[in-house]
Amino acid sequence: MPWSSVPGEPAPDRWDDGWDGVVWSGLDVGEADAVIAAHVAHFAALGRSFEWKLYGHDRLRPAGGPTGEDADGLAARLRAAGFAAEPAESLMVAEAGYWSTVSRCPRGRGCTA
């Protein structure tokens, strides 16, 4: 499926350790259920499980209406598609150069920016 080439649709990631997942999506309200179902079908056909990362800042864009949905709306759609929530995780974003100047590497470990 060519979803990674379609603007706004999720791009599945495959990591070297075999983890599959969607870590970003830019869906609108009108397409969300169909795109989620397509991803479920895709990975089921491959015989692989996958994870859909959901963050508190995730939003579904409006589909011709005045408002979209927040992360709770996307979470409800994912649960309806058979996903189960895992314990909450944190995501921190910062410029790598900033952290290399304000923190020290643990002794015996190398740090790169």
N, C-alpha and C. Protein backbone atom coordinates (compact mmCIF):
# COMPACT_ATOMS: atom_id res chain seq x y z
N MET A 1 0.85 -1.18 0.00
CA MET A 1 0.00 0.00 0.00
C MET A 1 0.89 1.24 0.00
N PRO A 2 0.55 2.24 -0.78
CA PRO A 2 1.43 3.41 -0.90
C PRO A 2 1.13 4.52 0.09
N TRP A 3 0.69 4.19 1.31
CA TRP A 3 0.28 5.26 2.22
C TRP A 3 1.41 6.19 2.61
N SER A 4 2.65 5.72 2.61
CA SER A 4 3.73 6.61 3.03
C SER A 4 3.98 7.71 1.99
N SER A 5 3.45 7.55 0.78
CA SER A 5 3.64 8.57 -0.23
C SER A 5 2.45 9.51 -0.34
N VAL A 6 1.43 9.28 0.45
CA VAL A 6 0.23 10.12 0.41
C VAL A 6 0.30 11.13 1.54
N PRO A 7 0.31 12.43 1.23
CA PRO A 7 0.41 13.44 2.29
C PRO A 7 -0.69 13.26 3.34
N GLY A 8 -0.29 13.30 4.59
CA GLY A 8 -1.23 13.23 5.69
C GLY A 8 -1.50 11.83 6.20
N GLU A 9 -1.23 10.80 5.40
CA GLU A 9 -1.49 9.44 5.87
C GLU A 9 -0.31 8.93 6.67
N PRO A 10 -0.55 8.02 7.61
CA PRO A 10 0.52 7.50 8.45
C PRO A 10 1.56 6.74 7.63
N ALA A 11 2.78 6.82 8.05
CA ALA A 11 3.86 6.06 7.43
C ALA A 11 4.34 5.02 8.44
N PRO A 12 4.08 3.74 8.19
CA PRO A 12 4.54 2.72 9.13
C PRO A 12 6.05 2.68 9.19
N ASP A 13 6.57 2.39 10.35
CA ASP A 13 8.01 2.25 10.56
C ASP A 13 8.33 0.81 10.87
N ARG A 14 9.47 0.33 10.40
CA ARG A 14 9.98 -1.00 10.76
C ARG A 14 11.38 -0.80 11.29
N TRP A 15 11.60 -1.18 12.52
CA TRP A 15 12.89 -1.01 13.16
C TRP A 15 13.70 -2.28 13.02
N ASP A 16 15.00 -2.18 13.19
CA ASP A 16 15.89 -3.33 13.06
C ASP A 16 15.54 -4.47 14.00
N ASP A 17 14.95 -4.15 15.14
CA ASP A 17 14.63 -5.20 16.10
C ASP A 17 13.30 -5.88 15.79
N GLY A 18 12.69 -5.55 14.66
CA GLY A 18 11.44 -6.19 14.25
C GLY A 18 10.19 -5.47 14.70
N TRP A 19 10.33 -4.32 15.38
CA TRP A 19 9.16 -3.56 15.83
C TRP A 19 8.52 -2.86 14.63
N ASP A 20 7.22 -3.00 14.50
CA ASP A 20 6.47 -2.30 13.47
C ASP A 20 5.52 -1.34 14.15
N GLY A 21 5.34 -0.16 13.59
CA GLY A 21 4.40 0.75 14.19
C GLY A 21 4.20 2.01 13.40
N VAL A 22 3.13 2.70 13.75
CA VAL A 22 2.82 4.02 13.21
C VAL A 22 3.18 5.01 14.30
N VAL A 23 4.10 5.90 14.01
CA VAL A 23 4.53 6.87 15.02
C VAL A 23 4.03 8.27 14.73
N TRP A 24 3.43 8.48 13.58
CA TRP A 24 2.89 9.78 13.22
C TRP A 24 1.74 9.58 12.25
N SER A 25 0.69 10.38 12.41
CA SER A 25 -0.38 10.39 11.42
C SER A 25 -0.94 11.80 11.33
N GLY A 26 -1.42 12.15 10.17
CA GLY A 26 -2.02 13.46 9.95
C GLY A 26 -3.36 13.27 9.27
N LEU A 27 -4.20 12.45 9.86
CA LEU A 27 -5.48 12.08 9.26
C LEU A 27 -6.55 13.12 9.50
N ASP A 28 -7.57 13.09 8.64
CA ASP A 28 -8.74 13.91 8.95
C ASP A 28 -9.86 12.99 9.42
N VAL A 29 -10.86 13.59 10.02
CA VAL A 29 -11.95 12.85 10.65
C VAL A 29 -12.63 11.90 9.66
N GLY A 30 -12.80 12.35 8.41
CA GLY A 30 -13.53 11.54 7.44
C GLY A 30 -12.80 10.31 6.95
N GLU A 31 -11.47 10.30 7.03
CA GLU A 31 -10.70 9.17 6.50
C GLU A 31 -10.11 8.28 7.59
N ALA A 32 -10.15 8.70 8.82
CA ALA A 32 -9.42 8.01 9.89
C ALA A 32 -9.79 6.54 10.02
N ASP A 33 -11.06 6.22 10.09
CA ASP A 33 -11.46 4.82 10.30
C ASP A 33 -11.00 3.93 9.15
N ALA A 34 -11.12 4.40 7.92
CA ALA A 34 -10.71 3.60 6.77
C ALA A 34 -9.19 3.40 6.74
N VAL A 35 -8.43 4.43 7.08
CA VAL A 35 -6.97 4.30 7.07
C VAL A 35 -6.52 3.37 8.20
N ILE A 36 -7.12 3.49 9.37
CA ILE A 36 -6.79 2.58 10.47
C ILE A 36 -7.09 1.14 10.04
N ALA A 37 -8.25 0.90 9.45
CA ALA A 37 -8.62 -0.44 9.00
C ALA A 37 -7.64 -0.96 7.94
N ALA A 38 -7.19 -0.08 7.05
CA ALA A 38 -6.24 -0.50 6.02
C ALA A 38 -4.91 -0.93 6.64
N HIS A 39 -4.46 -0.22 7.67
CA HIS A 39 -3.21 -0.60 8.34
C HIS A 39 -3.37 -1.93 9.07
N VAL A 40 -4.50 -2.11 9.74
CA VAL A 40 -4.75 -3.38 10.43
C VAL A 40 -4.73 -4.53 9.42
N ALA A 41 -5.41 -4.35 8.29
CA ALA A 41 -5.45 -5.39 7.26
C ALA A 41 -4.06 -5.65 6.66
N HIS A 42 -3.31 -4.59 6.43
CA HIS A 42 -1.96 -4.72 5.85
C HIS A 42 -1.06 -5.58 6.73
N PHE A 43 -1.00 -5.24 8.02
CA PHE A 43 -0.11 -5.99 8.90
C PHE A 43 -0.64 -7.39 9.18
N ALA A 44 -1.96 -7.56 9.21
CA ALA A 44 -2.52 -8.90 9.37
C ALA A 44 -2.14 -9.78 8.18
N ALA A 45 -2.17 -9.23 6.97
CA ALA A 45 -1.80 -9.99 5.78
C ALA A 45 -0.33 -10.40 5.82
N LEU A 46 0.50 -9.59 6.47
CA LEU A 46 1.92 -9.91 6.61
C LEU A 46 2.18 -10.86 7.78
N GLY A 47 1.14 -11.09 8.61
CA GLY A 47 1.30 -11.94 9.78
C GLY A 47 2.11 -11.28 10.88
N ARG A 48 2.08 -9.94 10.91
CA ARG A 48 2.86 -9.21 11.90
C ARG A 48 1.95 -8.32 12.73
N SER A 49 2.30 -8.19 13.99
CA SER A 49 1.60 -7.22 14.84
C SER A 49 2.26 -5.87 14.66
N PHE A 50 1.57 -4.82 15.08
CA PHE A 50 2.15 -3.49 15.02
C PHE A 50 1.51 -2.63 16.08
N GLU A 51 2.16 -1.53 16.36
CA GLU A 51 1.72 -0.59 17.39
C GLU A 51 1.42 0.74 16.73
N TRP A 52 0.38 1.40 17.20
CA TRP A 52 0.06 2.76 16.73
C TRP A 52 0.33 3.69 17.89
N LYS A 53 1.40 4.45 17.82
CA LYS A 53 1.73 5.38 18.89
C LYS A 53 0.73 6.54 18.87
N LEU A 54 0.21 6.86 20.03
CA LEU A 54 -0.75 7.95 20.17
C LEU A 54 -0.24 8.89 21.26
N TYR A 55 -0.09 10.14 20.89
CA TYR A 55 0.43 11.15 21.82
C TYR A 55 -0.67 12.15 22.14
N GLY A 56 -0.54 12.81 23.28
CA GLY A 56 -1.54 13.78 23.70
C GLY A 56 -1.72 14.94 22.74
N HIS A 57 -0.72 15.21 21.92
CA HIS A 57 -0.82 16.32 20.97
C HIS A 57 -1.38 15.88 19.61
N ASP A 58 -1.68 14.60 19.43
CA ASP A 58 -2.23 14.13 18.16
C ASP A 58 -3.64 14.67 17.95
N ARG A 59 -3.94 15.03 16.74
CA ARG A 59 -5.25 15.56 16.37
C ARG A 59 -5.68 14.98 15.04
N LEU A 60 -6.99 14.84 14.86
CA LEU A 60 -7.55 14.52 13.55
C LEU A 60 -8.03 15.84 12.97
N ARG A 61 -7.64 16.11 11.73
CA ARG A 61 -8.05 17.35 11.07
C ARG A 61 -9.54 17.30 10.78
N PRO A 62 -10.18 18.45 10.70
CA PRO A 62 -11.60 18.48 10.33
C PRO A 62 -11.78 18.01 8.89
N ALA A 63 -12.91 17.40 8.61
CA ALA A 63 -13.23 16.95 7.25
C ALA A 63 -14.39 17.79 6.75
N GLY A 64 -14.11 19.01 6.36
CA GLY A 64 -15.16 19.89 5.86
C GLY A 64 -15.99 20.53 6.95
N GLY A 65 -15.72 20.21 8.20
CA GLY A 65 -16.47 20.79 9.30
C GLY A 65 -15.62 21.79 10.06
N PRO A 66 -16.19 22.41 11.08
CA PRO A 66 -15.48 23.45 11.81
C PRO A 66 -14.39 22.92 12.76
N THR A 67 -14.54 21.69 13.23
CA THR A 67 -13.55 21.19 14.20
C THR A 67 -13.14 19.78 13.86
N GLY A 68 -11.98 19.40 14.32
CA GLY A 68 -11.51 18.03 14.18
C GLY A 68 -11.74 17.30 15.49
N GLU A 69 -10.88 16.35 15.78
CA GLU A 69 -10.97 15.60 17.03
C GLU A 69 -9.61 15.62 17.69
N ASP A 70 -9.61 15.57 19.03
CA ASP A 70 -8.35 15.54 19.75
C ASP A 70 -7.86 14.10 19.88
N ALA A 71 -6.81 13.92 20.67
CA ALA A 71 -6.22 12.59 20.84
C ALA A 71 -7.23 11.60 21.41
N ASP A 72 -8.16 12.05 22.25
CA ASP A 72 -9.17 11.14 22.79
C ASP A 72 -10.06 10.59 21.68
N GLY A 73 -10.37 11.41 20.69
CA GLY A 73 -11.17 10.94 19.56
C GLY A 73 -10.44 9.89 18.75
N LEU A 74 -9.15 10.12 18.50
CA LEU A 74 -8.35 9.13 17.77
C LEU A 74 -8.20 7.87 18.61
N ALA A 75 -8.02 8.02 19.91
CA ALA A 75 -7.90 6.85 20.80
C ALA A 75 -9.16 6.00 20.74
N ALA A 76 -10.32 6.63 20.74
CA ALA A 76 -11.58 5.88 20.67
C ALA A 76 -11.67 5.12 19.35
N ARG A 77 -11.24 5.72 18.26
CA ARG A 77 -11.26 5.05 16.96
C ARG A 77 -10.30 3.86 16.94
N LEU A 78 -9.12 4.03 17.55
CA LEU A 78 -8.16 2.93 17.60
C LEU A 78 -8.69 1.78 18.46
N ARG A 79 -9.31 2.10 19.60
CA ARG A 79 -9.91 1.04 20.43
C ARG A 79 -11.00 0.31 19.67
N ALA A 80 -11.82 1.04 18.92
CA ALA A 80 -12.89 0.42 18.13
C ALA A 80 -12.33 -0.52 17.07
N ALA A 81 -11.10 -0.26 16.63
CA ALA A 81 -10.45 -1.10 15.62
C ALA A 81 -9.69 -2.27 16.25
N GLY A 82 -9.77 -2.40 17.58
CA GLY A 82 -9.16 -3.54 18.25
C GLY A 82 -7.86 -3.27 18.97
N PHE A 83 -7.40 -2.03 18.98
CA PHE A 83 -6.17 -1.71 19.70
C PHE A 83 -6.45 -1.61 21.19
N ALA A 84 -5.44 -1.93 22.00
CA ALA A 84 -5.53 -1.80 23.45
C ALA A 84 -4.48 -0.80 23.91
N ALA A 85 -4.86 0.08 24.80
CA ALA A 85 -3.92 1.08 25.31
C ALA A 85 -2.88 0.43 26.20
N GLU A 86 -1.65 0.89 26.07
CA GLU A 86 -0.57 0.47 26.95
C GLU A 86 -0.33 1.60 27.95
N PRO A 87 0.52 1.37 28.94
CA PRO A 87 0.81 2.45 29.90
C PRO A 87 1.33 3.69 29.18
N ALA A 88 1.03 4.84 29.76
CA ALA A 88 1.45 6.12 29.17
C ALA A 88 2.97 6.21 29.12
N GLU A 89 3.47 6.83 28.06
CA GLU A 89 4.89 7.08 27.87
C GLU A 89 5.08 8.58 27.68
N SER A 90 6.29 9.04 27.85
CA SER A 90 6.59 10.45 27.64
C SER A 90 7.41 10.63 26.37
N LEU A 91 7.23 11.76 25.75
CA LEU A 91 7.99 12.13 24.56
C LEU A 91 8.58 13.50 24.82
N MET A 92 9.88 13.61 24.62
CA MET A 92 10.55 14.90 24.81
C MET A 92 11.25 15.25 23.50
N VAL A 93 11.09 16.49 23.08
CA VAL A 93 11.70 16.95 21.85
C VAL A 93 12.56 18.17 22.15
N ALA A 94 13.79 18.14 21.69
CA ALA A 94 14.71 19.27 21.86
C ALA A 94 15.80 19.15 20.81
N GLU A 95 16.45 20.25 20.53
CA GLU A 95 17.59 20.21 19.62
C GLU A 95 18.73 19.45 20.30
N ALA A 96 19.32 18.51 19.57
CA ALA A 96 20.40 17.70 20.14
C ALA A 96 21.56 18.56 20.60
N GLY A 97 21.89 19.61 19.89
CA GLY A 97 22.99 20.49 20.28
C GLY A 97 22.77 21.13 21.63
N TYR A 98 21.53 21.46 21.96
CA TYR A 98 21.22 22.07 23.25
C TYR A 98 21.57 21.11 24.38
N TRP A 99 21.12 19.87 24.28
CA TRP A 99 21.35 18.91 25.36
C TRP A 99 22.81 18.56 25.53
N SER A 100 23.58 18.62 24.46
CA SER A 100 25.00 18.30 24.60
C SER A 100 25.75 19.38 25.37
N THR A 101 25.16 20.58 25.49
CA THR A 101 25.83 21.66 26.22
C THR A 101 25.34 21.77 27.66
N VAL A 102 24.19 21.21 28.00
CA VAL A 102 23.67 21.36 29.36
C VAL A 102 23.73 20.08 30.18
N SER A 103 24.09 18.98 29.57
CA SER A 103 24.15 17.74 30.34
C SER A 103 25.49 17.05 30.13
N ARG A 104 25.81 16.20 31.03
CA ARG A 104 27.05 15.44 30.96
C ARG A 104 26.71 13.98 30.65
N CYS A 105 27.59 13.35 29.93
CA CYS A 105 27.42 11.93 29.64
C CYS A 105 27.74 11.12 30.90
N PRO A 106 27.02 10.04 31.13
CA PRO A 106 27.39 9.17 32.25
C PRO A 106 28.81 8.64 32.05
N ARG A 107 29.50 8.47 33.15
CA ARG A 107 30.88 7.99 33.09
C ARG A 107 30.93 6.65 32.34
N GLY A 108 31.85 6.57 31.38
CA GLY A 108 32.02 5.33 30.64
C GLY A 108 31.10 5.23 29.40
N ARG A 109 30.31 6.26 29.16
CA ARG A 109 29.42 6.24 28.00
C ARG A 109 29.74 7.41 27.11
N GLY A 110 29.66 7.21 25.83
CA GLY A 110 29.89 8.29 24.89
C GLY A 110 28.57 8.95 24.50
N CYS A 111 28.58 10.22 24.26
CA CYS A 111 27.39 10.94 23.83
C CYS A 111 27.71 11.64 22.52
N THR A 112 26.77 11.62 21.62
CA THR A 112 26.92 12.34 20.37
C THR A 112 25.68 13.19 20.14
N ALA A 113 25.87 14.27 19.45
CA ALA A 113 24.74 15.15 19.13
C ALA A 113 24.36 14.96 17.69
